[in-house]
Amino acid sequence: MKLLFLIVAFFSILSFSNVNANLAYITNEKDNTVSVIDIKKKKVIKTVKVGQRPRGIIMSKDGKLVLICASDDDRVEVREAETLKLKYHLPSGPDPELFILSPDDSTLYIANEDDAMVTVVDMNDKMIIDDIPVGVEPEGMGLTNNGKVLVNTSETTNMAHFIDTNTLEIIENVLVDARPRVAMFTPDDKEVWVSAEIGGTVKVINPSSKEVTHTIGFEIPGVNEESIQPVGVRHSKDGKYTFIALGPANRIAVVDQQTKELVKYLLVGQRVWQLAFTPDQKTLLSTNGVSNDVSFINVDKLKVEKSVKVGRFPWGVVISPN
């Protein structure tokens, strides 16, 4: 009897640990919903009502919590990943858009577009620790692996702000091109790539010298230059490729992470916003805001395999870590 109990307990734990495996969570900005996609089946299995104008979405490292920027509610929702039931709200400034957790999940850094502040929240006490003044319309949030340096982009000031997370002070401001949206460190933390939506470029910055080392531009035959608007950025862990969402160009640029040269353009849905890898990095998902779908990209083949319909104006995407 005792043996039977142990066997049942073991499989219960195993089942619980895999309950969120291979799931993608998509924020639908216009519907005020989150769609959950079974990645293996490539189908929506659940749609849940959330706060108003959901945009940024991330998960805790253990995959048990989903955090959502409810931009028009001026707060962050924390939900159970398994059920998407609301656990509690976290405070933020007005219009939170993107955010990032410290490596130990103890601190949340939130970009608040309407008050030119990065809000720092203690995840244990669920209280604001500090507000860091940055440029106008902050959005992008990048963090080193050790959690010591945070990079925030300000869309109107056109800067990448390097912030010391110990002192919570800006240590350097780096000018980039117009309307920077996303800051993303490479896996080795030796570079941070900043996309500029209106400038149409991606700046590569050396975090040590704070100097721009490369400027990546894009030309797509038959597509107006004004339609090429870089937003989401994701680096492969092996250092081979970087994928860049190009907004109304309806393309994802595949860039050689080492040489910074263009490898290929992938045609996806309309107005591609954000990107996320599956844990094995064999599949990349993109949110396509105007066509209301999510594209599945085979990373090895650099090929778009399928698009899945979700809610209206899908914006953010996060994938369960196991």
Protein backbone atom coordinates (compact mmCIF):
# COMPACT_ATOMS: atom_id res chain seq x y z
CA MET A 1 0.00 0.00 0.00
CA LYS A 2 2.84 2.34 0.88
CA LEU A 3 4.56 1.56 -2.40
CA LEU A 4 1.35 2.31 -4.32
CA PHE A 5 1.05 5.65 -2.52
CA LEU A 6 4.62 6.58 -3.44
CA ILE A 7 4.07 5.66 -7.09
CA VAL A 8 0.89 7.76 -7.26
CA ALA A 9 2.63 10.67 -5.54
CA PHE A 10 5.57 10.46 -7.94
CA PHE A 11 3.39 10.59 -11.04
CA SER A 12 1.31 13.39 -9.53
CA ILE A 13 4.44 15.48 -9.05
CA LEU A 14 5.64 14.60 -12.53
CA SER A 15 2.28 15.57 -14.00
CA PHE A 16 2.26 18.87 -12.11
CA SER A 17 5.80 19.73 -13.23
CA ASN A 18 4.84 19.22 -16.87
CA VAL A 19 1.42 20.82 -16.71
CA ASN A 20 2.61 24.01 -18.40
CA ALA A 21 5.06 22.36 -20.77
CA ASN A 22 4.96 23.48 -24.40
CA LEU A 23 2.51 26.30 -23.80
CA ALA A 24 2.67 29.82 -25.22
CA TYR A 25 0.81 32.73 -23.63
CA ILE A 26 -0.22 35.58 -25.95
CA THR A 27 -1.56 38.99 -24.88
CA ASN A 28 -4.33 40.27 -27.16
CA GLU A 29 -4.25 44.04 -26.80
CA LYS A 30 -7.69 44.88 -28.23
CA ASP A 31 -9.61 41.96 -26.72
CA ASN A 32 -8.21 42.29 -23.18
CA THR A 33 -7.46 38.58 -23.24
CA VAL A 34 -4.62 36.08 -23.10
CA SER A 35 -4.64 33.16 -25.52
CA VAL A 36 -2.89 29.93 -24.53
CA ILE A 37 -1.42 27.90 -27.37
CA ASP A 38 -0.42 24.25 -27.21
CA ILE A 39 2.83 24.46 -29.15
CA LYS A 40 2.99 20.77 -30.10
CA LYS A 41 -0.56 20.81 -31.44
CA LYS A 42 -0.25 24.37 -32.77
CA LYS A 43 -3.72 25.30 -31.56
CA VAL A 44 -5.34 27.63 -29.04
CA ILE A 45 -6.56 25.66 -26.05
CA LYS A 46 -7.76 28.48 -23.82
CA THR A 47 -8.60 32.20 -23.90
CA VAL A 48 -8.94 34.15 -20.65
CA LYS A 49 -10.13 37.67 -19.91
CA VAL A 50 -7.48 39.83 -18.24
CA GLY A 51 -6.96 43.53 -17.51
CA GLN A 52 -7.27 46.35 -19.99
CA ARG A 53 -4.86 46.59 -22.93
CA PRO A 54 -2.51 43.75 -21.99
CA ARG A 55 0.92 44.10 -23.56
CA GLY A 56 4.11 42.86 -21.90
CA ILE A 57 3.99 39.30 -20.56
CA ILE A 58 6.65 37.25 -18.75
CA MET A 59 6.86 34.18 -16.50
CA SER A 60 8.61 33.32 -13.27
CA LYS A 61 11.67 31.12 -13.71
CA ASP A 62 9.84 28.05 -12.38
CA GLY A 63 6.99 28.59 -14.85
CA LYS A 64 4.32 28.76 -12.14
CA LEU A 65 3.40 32.44 -12.49
CA VAL A 66 2.44 34.57 -15.47
CA LEU A 67 2.88 38.33 -15.15
CA ILE A 68 0.94 40.68 -17.43
CA CYS A 69 1.22 44.43 -17.98
CA ALA A 70 -2.40 45.65 -17.88
CA SER A 71 -1.41 48.97 -19.45
CA ASP A 72 -4.73 50.83 -19.18
CA ASP A 73 -5.27 49.60 -15.61
CA ASP A 74 -1.86 50.94 -14.55
CA ARG A 75 -0.87 47.73 -12.81
CA VAL A 76 0.66 44.30 -13.25
CA GLU A 77 -1.44 41.16 -12.95
CA VAL A 78 0.09 38.02 -11.46
CA ARG A 79 -1.73 34.85 -12.47
CA GLU A 80 -1.30 31.11 -11.94
CA ALA A 81 0.21 29.67 -15.10
CA GLU A 82 -1.80 26.46 -14.80
CA THR A 83 -5.25 28.06 -14.60
CA LEU A 84 -4.56 31.73 -15.42
CA LYS A 85 -6.59 32.62 -12.32
CA LEU A 86 -5.66 35.99 -10.86
CA LYS A 87 -3.53 35.69 -7.70
CA TYR A 88 -2.87 39.37 -7.02
CA HIS A 89 -1.97 42.73 -8.54
CA LEU A 90 1.37 44.50 -8.32
CA PRO A 91 1.68 48.28 -8.35
CA SER A 92 3.31 50.15 -11.22
CA GLY A 93 3.36 53.61 -12.68
CA PRO A 94 0.95 54.74 -15.43
CA ASP A 95 0.82 52.65 -18.61
CA PRO A 96 3.26 49.79 -17.93
CA GLU A 97 4.37 48.22 -21.22
CA LEU A 98 7.42 45.99 -20.80
CA PHE A 99 9.08 44.60 -17.70
CA ILE A 100 11.71 42.11 -16.58
CA LEU A 101 12.43 40.00 -13.50
CA SER A 102 15.75 39.79 -11.72
CA PRO A 103 17.52 36.40 -12.05
CA ASP A 104 16.22 35.27 -8.64
CA ASP A 105 12.67 36.55 -9.34
CA SER A 106 12.84 38.80 -6.28
CA THR A 107 12.69 42.15 -8.10
CA LEU A 108 10.53 43.36 -10.96
CA TYR A 109 11.58 46.29 -13.17
CA ILE A 110 8.68 47.96 -15.03
CA ALA A 111 8.82 50.53 -17.84
CA ASN A 112 5.93 52.99 -17.42
CA GLU A 113 5.35 54.81 -20.66
CA ASP A 114 3.34 57.77 -19.33
CA ASP A 115 5.55 59.02 -16.48
CA ALA A 116 9.13 58.55 -17.77
CA MET A 117 9.93 56.19 -14.91
CA VAL A 118 11.17 52.66 -14.36
CA THR A 119 9.34 51.31 -11.31
CA VAL A 120 11.18 48.81 -9.11
CA VAL A 121 8.92 46.36 -7.24
CA ASP A 122 9.82 43.93 -4.46
CA MET A 123 8.16 40.65 -5.44
CA ASN A 124 8.07 39.34 -1.87
CA ASP A 125 6.58 42.41 -0.19
CA LYS A 126 4.62 43.36 -3.34
CA MET A 127 5.63 46.97 -2.82
CA ILE A 128 7.39 49.63 -4.87
CA ILE A 129 11.02 50.01 -3.81
CA ASP A 130 11.88 52.98 -6.00
CA ASP A 131 11.15 54.87 -9.20
CA ILE A 132 14.06 55.58 -11.54
CA PRO A 133 13.68 58.70 -13.75
CA VAL A 134 14.53 57.87 -17.37
CA GLY A 135 13.72 59.35 -20.78
CA VAL A 136 10.31 60.08 -22.25
CA GLU A 137 8.12 57.02 -23.05
CA PRO A 138 10.26 54.22 -21.62
CA GLU A 139 9.64 50.73 -23.00
CA GLY A 140 12.43 48.24 -23.68
CA MET A 141 13.95 46.34 -20.73
CA GLY A 142 17.14 44.30 -21.00
CA LEU A 143 19.05 42.72 -18.11
CA THR A 144 22.43 41.01 -17.80
CA ASN A 145 22.56 37.38 -16.68
CA ASN A 146 23.88 38.39 -13.28
CA GLY A 147 21.17 41.02 -12.92
CA LYS A 148 23.63 43.84 -12.24
CA VAL A 149 22.98 46.02 -15.31
CA LEU A 150 19.55 46.99 -16.61
CA VAL A 151 19.03 48.72 -19.96
CA ASN A 152 15.86 50.71 -20.57
CA THR A 153 14.97 52.41 -23.86
CA SER A 154 13.03 55.66 -24.09
CA GLU A 155 11.03 56.01 -27.28
CA THR A 156 10.90 59.82 -27.46
CA THR A 157 14.30 60.63 -25.95
CA ASN A 158 15.88 58.07 -28.33
CA MET A 159 18.23 56.70 -25.73
CA ALA A 160 19.30 53.47 -24.10
CA HIS A 161 19.71 54.07 -20.37
CA PHE A 162 22.22 51.84 -18.55
CA ILE A 163 21.14 51.39 -14.92
CA ASP A 164 23.10 49.97 -11.99
CA THR A 165 20.62 47.69 -10.21
CA ASN A 166 22.50 47.99 -6.92
CA THR A 167 22.28 51.79 -6.73
CA LEU A 168 19.20 52.07 -8.99
CA GLU A 169 20.88 54.97 -10.76
CA ILE A 170 21.64 55.62 -14.42
CA ILE A 171 25.33 55.10 -15.15
CA GLU A 172 25.24 56.01 -18.85
CA ASN A 173 22.88 57.25 -21.58
CA VAL A 174 23.55 56.07 -25.13
CA LEU A 175 21.93 57.82 -28.08
CA VAL A 176 20.30 55.46 -30.59
CA ASP A 177 17.98 55.94 -33.55
CA ALA A 178 14.38 57.14 -33.43
CA ARG A 179 11.83 55.36 -31.24
CA PRO A 180 13.82 52.54 -29.63
CA ARG A 181 11.54 49.70 -28.59
CA VAL A 182 13.48 46.69 -27.33
CA ALA A 183 16.86 46.15 -25.64
CA MET A 184 18.23 42.61 -25.66
CA PHE A 185 21.56 41.37 -24.33
CA THR A 186 23.33 38.59 -26.21
CA PRO A 187 23.62 35.31 -24.26
CA ASP A 188 27.20 36.16 -23.23
CA ASP A 189 26.25 39.72 -22.16
CA LYS A 190 28.98 41.16 -24.41
CA GLU A 191 26.49 43.12 -26.53
CA VAL A 192 23.08 44.69 -26.16
CA TRP A 193 20.98 45.12 -29.31
CA VAL A 194 18.51 48.01 -29.41
CA SER A 195 15.79 48.15 -32.07
CA ALA A 196 14.65 51.55 -33.37
CA GLU A 197 11.15 51.41 -34.82
CA ILE A 198 11.10 54.74 -36.67
CA GLY A 199 14.84 54.88 -37.30
CA GLY A 200 14.58 51.50 -39.03
CA THR A 201 17.79 50.20 -37.51
CA VAL A 202 19.21 48.04 -34.75
CA LYS A 203 22.14 49.47 -32.78
CA VAL A 204 24.64 47.06 -31.25
CA ILE A 205 26.18 48.49 -28.07
CA ASN A 206 29.22 47.34 -26.13
CA PRO A 207 28.04 47.36 -22.47
CA SER A 208 31.58 47.89 -21.17
CA SER A 209 32.50 50.93 -23.26
CA LYS A 210 28.88 52.04 -23.82
CA GLU A 211 29.81 52.61 -27.49
CA VAL A 212 27.76 51.67 -30.54
CA THR A 213 29.83 49.09 -32.43
CA HIS A 214 27.44 48.28 -35.28
CA THR A 215 24.36 49.72 -36.94
CA ILE A 216 22.21 47.17 -38.75
CA GLY A 217 19.91 48.43 -41.49
CA PHE A 218 17.36 46.63 -43.64
CA GLU A 219 16.29 46.74 -47.28
CA ILE A 220 13.44 44.59 -48.57
CA PRO A 221 12.64 44.61 -52.30
CA GLY A 222 9.11 45.87 -52.89
CA VAL A 223 8.66 47.15 -49.32
CA ASN A 224 8.68 50.86 -48.51
CA GLU A 225 11.49 51.98 -46.23
CA GLU A 226 8.92 53.55 -43.87
CA SER A 227 7.29 50.14 -43.35
CA ILE A 228 10.49 48.56 -42.05
CA GLN A 229 10.12 49.13 -38.31
CA PRO A 230 12.29 46.92 -36.06
CA VAL A 231 10.67 45.98 -32.75
CA GLY A 232 11.13 42.56 -31.10
CA VAL A 233 14.63 41.04 -30.88
CA ARG A 234 15.65 37.52 -29.87
CA HIS A 235 19.13 35.93 -29.88
CA SER A 236 19.73 32.22 -30.24
CA LYS A 237 21.72 30.82 -27.31
CA ASP A 238 24.30 29.20 -29.61
CA GLY A 239 25.35 32.64 -30.89
CA LYS A 240 24.38 31.80 -34.46
CA TYR A 241 21.34 33.93 -35.27
CA THR A 242 19.46 36.98 -34.09
CA PHE A 243 15.82 37.35 -35.12
CA ILE A 244 14.34 40.84 -35.48
CA ALA A 245 10.63 41.59 -35.95
CA LEU A 246 10.15 44.30 -38.59
CA GLY A 247 6.61 45.51 -37.82
CA PRO A 248 4.53 46.61 -40.85
CA ALA A 249 7.11 45.07 -43.20
CA ASN A 250 5.52 41.75 -42.16
CA ARG A 251 8.95 40.16 -42.04
CA ILE A 252 11.37 38.78 -39.49
CA ALA A 253 15.00 39.52 -40.31
CA VAL A 254 17.46 36.71 -39.61
CA VAL A 255 20.87 38.20 -38.82
CA ASP A 256 24.20 36.46 -38.29
CA GLN A 257 24.84 37.20 -34.61
CA GLN A 258 28.62 37.32 -35.08
CA THR A 259 29.09 39.17 -38.39
CA LYS A 260 25.89 41.28 -38.11
CA GLU A 261 25.09 40.45 -41.74
CA LEU A 262 21.60 39.68 -43.00
CA VAL A 263 20.96 35.99 -43.62
CA LYS A 264 17.31 35.95 -44.67
CA TYR A 265 13.88 37.58 -44.39
CA LEU A 266 10.95 35.45 -43.24
CA LEU A 267 7.45 36.47 -44.35
CA VAL A 268 5.02 36.24 -41.43
CA GLY A 269 1.70 37.91 -40.52
CA GLN A 270 0.88 41.60 -40.62
CA ARG A 271 2.70 43.99 -38.26
CA VAL A 272 4.91 41.55 -36.43
CA TRP A 273 5.56 42.70 -32.87
CA GLN A 274 7.29 40.37 -30.42
CA LEU A 275 9.16 37.07 -30.54
CA ALA A 276 9.83 34.11 -28.23
CA PHE A 277 11.76 30.85 -28.44
CA THR A 278 10.64 27.47 -27.19
CA PRO A 279 13.03 26.16 -24.47
CA ASP A 280 14.89 23.96 -26.96
CA GLN A 281 15.13 26.95 -29.35
CA LYS A 282 13.95 24.83 -32.25
CA THR A 283 10.83 26.96 -32.73
CA LEU A 284 10.35 30.73 -32.71
CA LEU A 285 6.92 32.31 -32.30
CA SER A 286 5.96 35.78 -33.51
CA THR A 287 2.91 37.88 -32.62
CA ASN A 288 1.37 39.51 -35.68
CA GLY A 289 -0.81 42.40 -34.51
CA VAL A 290 -2.91 43.28 -37.54
CA SER A 291 -3.51 39.79 -38.93
CA ASN A 292 -4.44 38.58 -35.41
CA ASP A 293 -2.27 35.49 -35.52
CA VAL A 294 0.94 33.89 -34.30
CA SER A 295 3.53 32.46 -36.70
CA PHE A 296 5.58 29.32 -35.98
CA ILE A 297 9.13 29.42 -37.36
CA ASN A 298 11.37 26.36 -37.67
CA VAL A 299 14.72 27.74 -36.49
CA ASP A 300 16.89 25.02 -38.06
CA LYS A 301 15.25 25.37 -41.46
CA LEU A 302 14.60 29.13 -41.16
CA LYS A 303 11.12 28.45 -42.43
CA VAL A 304 7.64 29.63 -41.39
CA GLU A 305 5.61 26.48 -40.83
CA LYS A 306 2.20 27.67 -39.70
CA SER A 307 0.12 30.58 -38.42
CA VAL A 308 -2.44 30.23 -35.63
CA LYS A 309 -5.33 32.65 -35.12
CA VAL A 310 -5.60 34.22 -31.68
CA GLY A 311 -7.40 37.35 -30.39
CA ARG A 312 -7.36 40.89 -31.72
CA PHE A 313 -4.00 42.65 -31.90
CA PRO A 314 -1.71 40.04 -30.34
CA TRP A 315 1.25 41.88 -28.82
CA GLY A 316 3.30 40.00 -26.22
CA VAL A 317 4.34 36.35 -26.05
CA VAL A 318 5.98 34.16 -23.41
CA ILE A 319 6.60 30.41 -23.48
CA SER A 320 6.67 28.07 -20.50
CA PRO A 321 10.23 27.17 -19.53
CA ASN A 322 9.79 23.40 -19.39
